[in-house]
Amino acid sequence: MTPAQLKELQELSHIFSQGKASPQQMQQLSALLAQINCYGEENRAEESEQVNFIDTPHFG
């Protein structure tokens, strides 16, 4: 999650906690969460590729 996404999430969370969220803000939260989830999946895929690499053993 980027710092900008975190800030936006905090602002939306505050609005929702007050019960003042508009339909537009609900869509904004949905889009933000989708971005965060996609970003997380990309990072996990990259980490998985790095972790799953196993070199051929060299005996000699």
N, C-alpha and C. Protein backbone atom coordinates (compact mmCIF):
# COMPACT_ATOMS: atom_id res chain seq x y z
N MET A 1 0.85 -1.17 0.00
CA MET A 1 0.00 0.00 0.00
C MET A 1 0.90 1.23 0.00
N THR A 2 0.58 2.16 -0.86
CA THR A 2 1.37 3.38 -0.94
C THR A 2 0.94 4.36 0.15
N PRO A 3 1.78 5.33 0.47
CA PRO A 3 1.38 6.34 1.46
C PRO A 3 0.13 7.11 1.04
N ALA A 4 -0.03 7.38 -0.25
CA ALA A 4 -1.22 8.08 -0.73
C ALA A 4 -2.47 7.24 -0.53
N GLN A 5 -2.35 5.94 -0.79
CA GLN A 5 -3.49 5.05 -0.60
C GLN A 5 -3.85 4.95 0.88
N LEU A 6 -2.85 4.90 1.73
CA LEU A 6 -3.09 4.83 3.17
C LEU A 6 -3.82 6.09 3.65
N LYS A 7 -3.38 7.24 3.18
CA LYS A 7 -4.03 8.50 3.57
C LYS A 7 -5.49 8.52 3.11
N GLU A 8 -5.72 8.11 1.86
CA GLU A 8 -7.09 8.09 1.33
C GLU A 8 -7.96 7.11 2.13
N LEU A 9 -7.40 5.96 2.46
CA LEU A 9 -8.14 4.96 3.25
C LEU A 9 -8.49 5.52 4.62
N GLN A 10 -7.57 6.22 5.25
CA GLN A 10 -7.84 6.81 6.56
C GLN A 10 -8.94 7.86 6.48
N GLU A 11 -8.90 8.69 5.43
CA GLU A 11 -9.93 9.72 5.26
C GLU A 11 -11.30 9.09 5.04
N LEU A 12 -11.35 8.09 4.17
CA LEU A 12 -12.63 7.42 3.91
C LEU A 12 -13.12 6.69 5.15
N SER A 13 -12.22 6.08 5.88
CA SER A 13 -12.59 5.38 7.11
C SER A 13 -13.23 6.34 8.10
N HIS A 14 -12.67 7.53 8.20
CA HIS A 14 -13.22 8.55 9.10
C HIS A 14 -14.64 8.93 8.68
N ILE A 15 -14.84 9.15 7.39
CA ILE A 15 -16.15 9.52 6.87
C ILE A 15 -17.16 8.41 7.13
N PHE A 16 -16.75 7.17 6.88
CA PHE A 16 -17.65 6.03 7.10
C PHE A 16 -17.98 5.87 8.57
N SER A 17 -17.02 6.09 9.45
CA SER A 17 -17.26 5.92 10.89
C SER A 17 -18.26 6.95 11.41
N GLN A 18 -18.36 8.08 10.73
CA GLN A 18 -19.34 9.11 11.11
C GLN A 18 -20.71 8.85 10.49
N GLY A 19 -20.79 7.86 9.61
CA GLY A 19 -22.05 7.54 8.95
C GLY A 19 -22.43 8.55 7.88
N LYS A 20 -21.44 9.24 7.31
CA LYS A 20 -21.72 10.30 6.35
C LYS A 20 -21.25 9.97 4.93
N ALA A 21 -21.02 8.70 4.65
CA ALA A 21 -20.49 8.32 3.34
C ALA A 21 -21.57 8.43 2.26
N SER A 22 -21.19 9.05 1.17
CA SER A 22 -22.08 9.17 0.01
C SER A 22 -21.86 7.97 -0.91
N PRO A 23 -22.78 7.75 -1.85
CA PRO A 23 -22.57 6.68 -2.82
C PRO A 23 -21.24 6.82 -3.58
N GLN A 24 -20.85 8.06 -3.88
CA GLN A 24 -19.59 8.29 -4.58
C GLN A 24 -18.41 7.85 -3.69
N GLN A 25 -18.48 8.11 -2.40
CA GLN A 25 -17.40 7.71 -1.50
C GLN A 25 -17.36 6.19 -1.32
N MET A 26 -18.52 5.55 -1.41
CA MET A 26 -18.56 4.08 -1.35
C MET A 26 -17.86 3.50 -2.58
N GLN A 27 -18.10 4.09 -3.74
CA GLN A 27 -17.42 3.64 -4.96
C GLN A 27 -15.92 3.91 -4.86
N GLN A 28 -15.57 5.05 -4.29
CA GLN A 28 -14.16 5.41 -4.12
C GLN A 28 -13.46 4.39 -3.22
N LEU A 29 -14.11 3.99 -2.13
CA LEU A 29 -13.54 2.99 -1.22
C LEU A 29 -13.39 1.66 -1.92
N SER A 30 -14.39 1.27 -2.68
CA SER A 30 -14.34 0.00 -3.40
C SER A 30 -13.18 -0.02 -4.39
N ALA A 31 -13.01 1.07 -5.13
CA ALA A 31 -11.91 1.15 -6.10
C ALA A 31 -10.56 1.14 -5.39
N LEU A 32 -10.46 1.84 -4.28
CA LEU A 32 -9.21 1.89 -3.53
C LEU A 32 -8.84 0.50 -3.01
N LEU A 33 -9.81 -0.21 -2.46
CA LEU A 33 -9.54 -1.55 -1.95
C LEU A 33 -9.13 -2.50 -3.07
N ALA A 34 -9.73 -2.34 -4.24
CA ALA A 34 -9.34 -3.17 -5.39
C ALA A 34 -7.90 -2.88 -5.78
N GLN A 35 -7.51 -1.60 -5.78
CA GLN A 35 -6.12 -1.24 -6.11
C GLN A 35 -5.16 -1.85 -5.10
N ILE A 36 -5.51 -1.75 -3.82
CA ILE A 36 -4.65 -2.27 -2.76
C ILE A 36 -4.52 -3.78 -2.90
N ASN A 37 -5.62 -4.46 -3.17
CA ASN A 37 -5.58 -5.92 -3.33
C ASN A 37 -4.74 -6.33 -4.53
N CYS A 38 -4.88 -5.63 -5.63
CA CYS A 38 -4.07 -5.94 -6.83
C CYS A 38 -2.61 -5.70 -6.56
N TYR A 39 -2.28 -4.62 -5.89
CA TYR A 39 -0.89 -4.31 -5.56
C TYR A 39 -0.32 -5.41 -4.68
N GLY A 40 -1.10 -5.88 -3.72
CA GLY A 40 -0.65 -6.95 -2.83
C GLY A 40 -0.41 -8.24 -3.58
N GLU A 41 -1.28 -8.55 -4.54
CA GLU A 41 -1.12 -9.78 -5.33
C GLU A 41 0.12 -9.72 -6.19
N GLU A 42 0.42 -8.56 -6.77
CA GLU A 42 1.61 -8.41 -7.60
C GLU A 42 2.87 -8.62 -6.76
N ASN A 43 2.88 -8.06 -5.57
CA ASN A 43 4.04 -8.23 -4.69
C ASN A 43 4.22 -9.68 -4.29
N ARG A 44 3.13 -10.36 -3.97
CA ARG A 44 3.22 -11.78 -3.59
C ARG A 44 3.73 -12.62 -4.75
N ALA A 45 3.31 -12.30 -5.97
CA ALA A 45 3.76 -13.05 -7.14
C ALA A 45 5.26 -12.86 -7.34
N GLU A 46 5.73 -11.63 -7.19
CA GLU A 46 7.16 -11.36 -7.34
C GLU A 46 7.96 -12.08 -6.26
N GLU A 47 7.46 -12.03 -5.02
CA GLU A 47 8.16 -12.70 -3.92
C GLU A 47 8.17 -14.20 -4.15
N SER A 48 7.07 -14.74 -4.64
CA SER A 48 6.98 -16.17 -4.90
C SER A 48 7.98 -16.59 -5.96
N GLU A 49 8.11 -15.78 -7.01
CA GLU A 49 9.07 -16.10 -8.07
C GLU A 49 10.49 -16.11 -7.51
N GLN A 50 10.79 -15.19 -6.63
CA GLN A 50 12.13 -15.10 -6.07
C GLN A 50 12.38 -16.27 -5.11
N VAL A 51 11.40 -16.61 -4.31
CA VAL A 51 11.56 -17.66 -3.31
C VAL A 51 11.59 -19.04 -3.95
N ASN A 52 10.83 -19.25 -5.00
CA ASN A 52 10.72 -20.57 -5.61
C ASN A 52 11.89 -20.92 -6.52
N PHE A 53 12.80 -20.00 -6.75
CA PHE A 53 13.94 -20.29 -7.61
C PHE A 53 14.93 -21.16 -6.85
N ILE A 54 15.18 -22.34 -7.38
CA ILE A 54 16.14 -23.24 -6.75
C ILE A 54 17.17 -23.61 -7.82
N ASP A 55 18.41 -23.36 -7.51
CA ASP A 55 19.49 -23.63 -8.45
C ASP A 55 19.78 -25.12 -8.47
N THR A 56 20.29 -25.58 -9.58
CA THR A 56 20.69 -26.97 -9.73
C THR A 56 21.89 -27.25 -8.82
N PRO A 57 21.81 -28.31 -8.03
CA PRO A 57 22.95 -28.60 -7.14
C PRO A 57 24.18 -28.97 -7.95
N HIS A 58 25.29 -28.56 -7.48
CA HIS A 58 26.58 -28.85 -8.13
C HIS A 58 27.38 -29.79 -7.25
N PHE A 59 27.62 -30.98 -7.75
CA PHE A 59 28.40 -31.97 -7.00
C PHE A 59 29.79 -32.04 -7.63
N GLY A 60 30.78 -32.07 -6.85
CA GLY A 60 32.07 -32.16 -7.50
C GLY A 60 33.18 -32.28 -6.59
